[in-house]
Amino acid sequence: MRRSTAGFTLVEVVVTIVVSSLVCIAATTLLITGLKTNRLLTDSSRKQFAVSAIEEALEKISDRSDITVSRDEEDAEDEDEGGNVVLLGGKEYIAFSGGQILLNGTSVLKDVTDCKIELKGHLLTVSFKVLQGVNEKPYDLAVYCPNSKGGP
């Protein structure tokens, strides 16, 4: 009886399947890691863009003489959830409500906590924390308001 030399042995097929499986697992892990990193970077970039928009709005408001900061007293105890801190400067306004910052009524930044808006003399400060991944990143923004009639 002659033995055929064509084809692969069972051992060769099993080794090929195992090696192929390991390559596929490594590629899948790399892909998943890349997608997670991309999502985190995109989220961080969006939040940084929103902070820039808030800074720009503060600059617009800083030239006004009718700047006022108000707070809804019902929500004053729970700044993390609501707070309803509102900064008015003519038609422009910034509000903190329900864990987000609103510019002229449009939500620009979510996952916000500890928002404080203060006008002391001619210095307008806005400080808040934003959840990024599992960490909170603090932001402190300040602008000089030469025309404000702010208190001491």
C-alpha atoms as a PDB file:
ATOM      1  CA  MET A   1       0.000   0.000   0.000  1.00  0.00           C
ATOM      2  CA  ARG A   2       1.337   3.368  -0.954  1.00  0.00           C
ATOM      3  CA  ARG A   3       1.097   6.311   1.357  1.00  0.00           C
ATOM      4  CA  SER A   4      -0.080   9.560  -0.205  1.00  0.00           C
ATOM      5  CA  THR A   5       2.243  12.527   0.287  1.00  0.00           C
ATOM      6  CA  ALA A   6      -0.325  15.103  -0.808  1.00  0.00           C
ATOM      7  CA  GLY A   7      -2.091  17.225   1.874  1.00  0.00           C
ATOM      8  CA  PHE A   8      -1.354  18.129   5.479  1.00  0.00           C
ATOM      9  CA  THR A   9      -1.116  16.041   8.596  1.00  0.00           C
ATOM     10  CA  LEU A  10      -3.458  16.581  11.529  1.00  0.00           C
ATOM     11  CA  VAL A  11      -0.628  18.083  13.599  1.00  0.00           C
ATOM     12  CA  GLU A  12       0.145  20.652  10.885  1.00  0.00           C
ATOM     13  CA  VAL A  13      -3.528  21.673  10.651  1.00  0.00           C
ATOM     14  CA  VAL A  14      -3.878  22.035  14.454  1.00  0.00           C
ATOM     15  CA  VAL A  15      -0.668  24.110  14.702  1.00  0.00           C
ATOM     16  CA  THR A  16      -1.894  26.367  11.881  1.00  0.00           C
ATOM     17  CA  ILE A  17      -5.273  26.884  13.607  1.00  0.00           C
ATOM     18  CA  VAL A  18      -3.613  27.702  16.951  1.00  0.00           C
ATOM     19  CA  VAL A  19      -1.171  30.200  15.399  1.00  0.00           C
ATOM     20  CA  SER A  20      -3.969  31.825  13.369  1.00  0.00           C
ATOM     21  CA  SER A  21      -6.124  32.110  16.488  1.00  0.00           C
ATOM     22  CA  LEU A  22      -3.323  33.812  18.418  1.00  0.00           C
ATOM     23  CA  VAL A  23      -2.777  36.315  15.595  1.00  0.00           C
ATOM     24  CA  CYS A  24      -6.530  37.073  15.468  1.00  0.00           C
ATOM     25  CA  ILE A  25      -6.710  37.565  19.252  1.00  0.00           C
ATOM     26  CA  ALA A  26      -3.738  39.947  19.171  1.00  0.00           C
ATOM     27  CA  ALA A  27      -5.241  41.936  16.278  1.00  0.00           C
ATOM     28  CA  THR A  28      -8.630  42.166  18.010  1.00  0.00           C
ATOM     29  CA  THR A  29      -7.036  43.355  21.255  1.00  0.00           C
ATOM     30  CA  LEU A  30      -5.074  45.999  19.374  1.00  0.00           C
ATOM     31  CA  LEU A  31      -8.208  47.167  17.556  1.00  0.00           C
ATOM     32  CA  ILE A  32     -10.253  47.424  20.763  1.00  0.00           C
ATOM     33  CA  THR A  33      -7.480  49.369  22.508  1.00  0.00           C
ATOM     34  CA  GLY A  34      -7.233  51.745  19.547  1.00  0.00           C
ATOM     35  CA  LEU A  35     -10.988  52.358  19.535  1.00  0.00           C
ATOM     36  CA  LYS A  36     -11.045  53.088  23.286  1.00  0.00           C
ATOM     37  CA  THR A  37      -8.141  55.504  22.945  1.00  0.00           C
ATOM     38  CA  ASN A  38      -9.826  57.222  20.016  1.00  0.00           C
ATOM     39  CA  ARG A  39     -13.058  57.622  21.996  1.00  0.00           C
ATOM     40  CA  LEU A  40     -11.222  59.111  24.987  1.00  0.00           C
ATOM     41  CA  LEU A  41      -9.262  61.530  22.808  1.00  0.00           C
ATOM     42  CA  THR A  42     -12.374  62.595  20.917  1.00  0.00           C
ATOM     43  CA  ASP A  43     -14.268  63.179  24.172  1.00  0.00           C
ATOM     44  CA  SER A  44     -11.364  65.144  25.629  1.00  0.00           C
ATOM     45  CA  SER A  45     -11.074  67.214  22.453  1.00  0.00           C
ATOM     46  CA  ARG A  46     -14.802  68.027  22.478  1.00  0.00           C
ATOM     47  CA  LYS A  47     -14.635  69.128  26.090  1.00  0.00           C
ATOM     48  CA  GLN A  48     -11.584  71.288  25.443  1.00  0.00           C
ATOM     49  CA  PHE A  49     -13.394  72.900  22.497  1.00  0.00           C
ATOM     50  CA  ALA A  50     -16.385  73.591  24.761  1.00  0.00           C
ATOM     51  CA  VAL A  51     -14.108  75.201  27.353  1.00  0.00           C
ATOM     52  CA  SER A  52     -12.692  77.417  24.593  1.00  0.00           C
ATOM     53  CA  ALA A  53     -16.240  78.432  23.643  1.00  0.00           C
ATOM     54  CA  ILE A  54     -16.935  79.317  27.275  1.00  0.00           C
ATOM     55  CA  GLU A  55     -13.742  81.406  27.384  1.00  0.00           C
ATOM     56  CA  GLU A  56     -14.814  83.224  24.218  1.00  0.00           C
ATOM     57  CA  ALA A  57     -18.246  83.951  25.716  1.00  0.00           C
ATOM     58  CA  LEU A  58     -16.582  85.273  28.877  1.00  0.00           C
ATOM     59  CA  GLU A  59     -14.472  87.606  26.756  1.00  0.00           C
ATOM     60  CA  LYS A  60     -17.622  88.951  25.050  1.00  0.00           C
ATOM     61  CA  ILE A  61     -19.364  89.423  28.378  1.00  0.00           C
ATOM     62  CA  SER A  62     -16.320  91.063  29.981  1.00  0.00           C
ATOM     63  CA  ASP A  63     -16.716  94.239  27.891  1.00  0.00           C
ATOM     64  CA  ARG A  64     -20.246  94.844  29.181  1.00  0.00           C
ATOM     65  CA  SER A  65     -21.136  97.147  32.057  1.00  0.00           C
ATOM     66  CA  ASP A  66     -24.359  95.315  32.972  1.00  0.00           C
ATOM     67  CA  ILE A  67     -22.792  92.066  34.220  1.00  0.00           C
ATOM     68  CA  THR A  68     -24.749  90.274  36.923  1.00  0.00           C
ATOM     69  CA  VAL A  69     -24.336  86.919  38.620  1.00  0.00           C
ATOM     70  CA  SER A  70     -27.438  85.302  40.080  1.00  0.00           C
ATOM     71  CA  ARG A  71     -28.236  82.045  41.822  1.00  0.00           C
ATOM     72  CA  ASP A  72     -31.492  80.183  42.296  1.00  0.00           C
ATOM     73  CA  GLU A  73     -31.624  79.909  46.089  1.00  0.00           C
ATOM     74  CA  GLU A  74     -33.626  76.647  45.984  1.00  0.00           C
ATOM     75  CA  ASP A  75     -30.701  74.896  44.298  1.00  0.00           C
ATOM     76  CA  ALA A  76     -27.939  76.692  46.207  1.00  0.00           C
ATOM     77  CA  GLU A  77     -27.367  73.745  48.541  1.00  0.00           C
ATOM     78  CA  ASP A  78     -26.779  71.243  45.731  1.00  0.00           C
ATOM     79  CA  GLU A  79     -24.343  72.766  43.257  1.00  0.00           C
ATOM     80  CA  ASP A  80     -23.429  69.376  41.787  1.00  0.00           C
ATOM     81  CA  GLU A  81     -26.931  68.657  40.526  1.00  0.00           C
ATOM     82  CA  GLY A  82     -28.213  72.047  39.518  1.00  0.00           C
ATOM     83  CA  GLY A  83     -27.160  75.248  41.100  1.00  0.00           C
ATOM     84  CA  ASN A  84     -28.672  77.395  38.359  1.00  0.00           C
ATOM     85  CA  VAL A  85     -25.797  79.866  38.490  1.00  0.00           C
ATOM     86  CA  VAL A  86     -26.357  82.432  35.758  1.00  0.00           C
ATOM     87  CA  LEU A  87     -23.957  85.057  34.427  1.00  0.00           C
ATOM     88  CA  LEU A  88     -25.667  87.771  32.421  1.00  0.00           C
ATOM     89  CA  GLY A  89     -24.035  90.329  30.165  1.00  0.00           C
ATOM     90  CA  GLY A  90     -26.555  91.861  27.805  1.00  0.00           C
ATOM     91  CA  LYS A  91     -27.787  89.261  25.327  1.00  0.00           C
ATOM     92  CA  GLU A  92     -24.959  86.860  26.211  1.00  0.00           C
ATOM     93  CA  TYR A  93     -25.343  84.545  29.159  1.00  0.00           C
ATOM     94  CA  ILE A  94     -23.702  81.532  30.720  1.00  0.00           C
ATOM     95  CA  ALA A  95     -25.674  79.218  32.999  1.00  0.00           C
ATOM     96  CA  PHE A  96     -24.884  76.147  35.059  1.00  0.00           C
ATOM     97  CA  SER A  97     -27.861  73.889  35.467  1.00  0.00           C
ATOM     98  CA  GLY A  98     -28.433  70.158  35.800  1.00  0.00           C
ATOM     99  CA  GLY A  99     -24.748  69.228  35.565  1.00  0.00           C
ATOM    100  CA  GLN A 100     -24.127  71.120  32.335  1.00  0.00           C
ATOM    101  CA  ILE A 101     -23.002  74.545  31.189  1.00  0.00           C
ATOM    102  CA  LEU A 102     -25.262  76.430  28.808  1.00  0.00           C
ATOM    103  CA  LEU A 103     -24.260  79.278  26.511  1.00  0.00           C
ATOM    104  CA  ASN A 104     -27.278  81.348  25.521  1.00  0.00           C
ATOM    105  CA  GLY A 105     -29.525  78.367  26.232  1.00  0.00           C
ATOM    106  CA  THR A 106     -27.492  75.760  24.333  1.00  0.00           C
ATOM    107  CA  SER A 107     -25.720  73.001  26.228  1.00  0.00           C
ATOM    108  CA  VAL A 108     -22.004  73.111  25.428  1.00  0.00           C
ATOM    109  CA  LEU A 109     -20.512  71.040  28.238  1.00  0.00           C
ATOM    110  CA  LYS A 110     -21.934  68.091  30.177  1.00  0.00           C
ATOM    111  CA  ASP A 111     -20.692  66.135  33.205  1.00  0.00           C
ATOM    112  CA  VAL A 112     -19.933  69.386  35.060  1.00  0.00           C
ATOM    113  CA  THR A 113     -19.715  69.674  38.842  1.00  0.00           C
ATOM    114  CA  ASP A 114     -18.763  72.354  41.365  1.00  0.00           C
ATOM    115  CA  CYS A 115     -19.484  75.297  39.087  1.00  0.00           C
ATOM    116  CA  LYS A 116     -18.841  78.684  40.664  1.00  0.00           C
ATOM    117  CA  ILE A 117     -19.249  82.014  38.883  1.00  0.00           C
ATOM    118  CA  GLU A 118     -18.096  85.098  40.749  1.00  0.00           C
ATOM    119  CA  LEU A 119     -17.652  88.772  39.990  1.00  0.00           C
ATOM    120  CA  LYS A 120     -15.327  90.455  42.479  1.00  0.00           C
ATOM    121  CA  GLY A 121     -14.529  94.002  41.578  1.00  0.00           C
ATOM    122  CA  HIS A 122     -13.470  93.845  37.948  1.00  0.00           C
ATOM    123  CA  LEU A 123     -12.452  90.168  37.966  1.00  0.00           C
ATOM    124  CA  LEU A 124     -14.932  87.636  36.632  1.00  0.00           C
ATOM    125  CA  THR A 125     -14.064  84.023  37.486  1.00  0.00           C
ATOM    126  CA  VAL A 126     -15.699  80.784  36.435  1.00  0.00           C
ATOM    127  CA  SER A 127     -14.456  77.543  37.965  1.00  0.00           C
ATOM    128  CA  PHE A 128     -15.822  74.050  37.447  1.00  0.00           C
ATOM    129  CA  LYS A 129     -14.842  70.401  37.194  1.00  0.00           C
ATOM    130  CA  VAL A 130     -15.527  68.146  34.208  1.00  0.00           C
ATOM    131  CA  LEU A 131     -15.644  64.369  34.307  1.00  0.00           C
ATOM    132  CA  GLN A 132     -13.102  62.983  31.819  1.00  0.00           C
ATOM    133  CA  GLY A 133     -12.984  59.208  31.816  1.00  0.00           C
ATOM    134  CA  VAL A 134     -12.834  58.278  35.488  1.00  0.00           C
ATOM    135  CA  ASN A 135     -11.160  61.527  36.594  1.00  0.00           C
ATOM    136  CA  GLU A 136     -12.430  65.032  37.202  1.00  0.00           C
ATOM    137  CA  LYS A 137     -10.458  67.787  35.519  1.00  0.00           C
ATOM    138  CA  PRO A 138     -10.699  71.231  37.141  1.00  0.00           C
ATOM    139  CA  TYR A 139     -10.936  74.407  35.071  1.00  0.00           C
ATOM    140  CA  ASP A 140     -10.467  77.950  36.356  1.00  0.00           C
ATOM    141  CA  LEU A 141     -11.241  80.733  33.903  1.00  0.00           C
ATOM    142  CA  ALA A 142     -10.867  84.418  34.684  1.00  0.00           C
ATOM    143  CA  VAL A 143     -11.320  87.607  32.694  1.00  0.00           C
ATOM    144  CA  TYR A 144     -10.838  91.255  33.530  1.00  0.00           C
ATOM    145  CA  CYS A 145     -14.005  93.330  33.171  1.00  0.00           C
ATOM    146  CA  PRO A 146     -12.977  96.972  32.951  1.00  0.00           C
ATOM    147  CA  ASN A 147     -16.559  98.291  32.663  1.00  0.00           C
ATOM    148  CA  SER A 148     -18.189  96.191  35.387  1.00  0.00           C
ATOM    149  CA  LYS A 149     -19.743  97.683  38.455  1.00  0.00           C
ATOM    150  CA  GLY A 150     -18.935  94.573  40.517  1.00  0.00           C
ATOM    151  CA  GLY A 151     -18.613  94.610  44.265  1.00  0.00           C
ATOM    152  CA  PRO A 152     -15.405  94.424  46.273  1.00  0.00           C
END
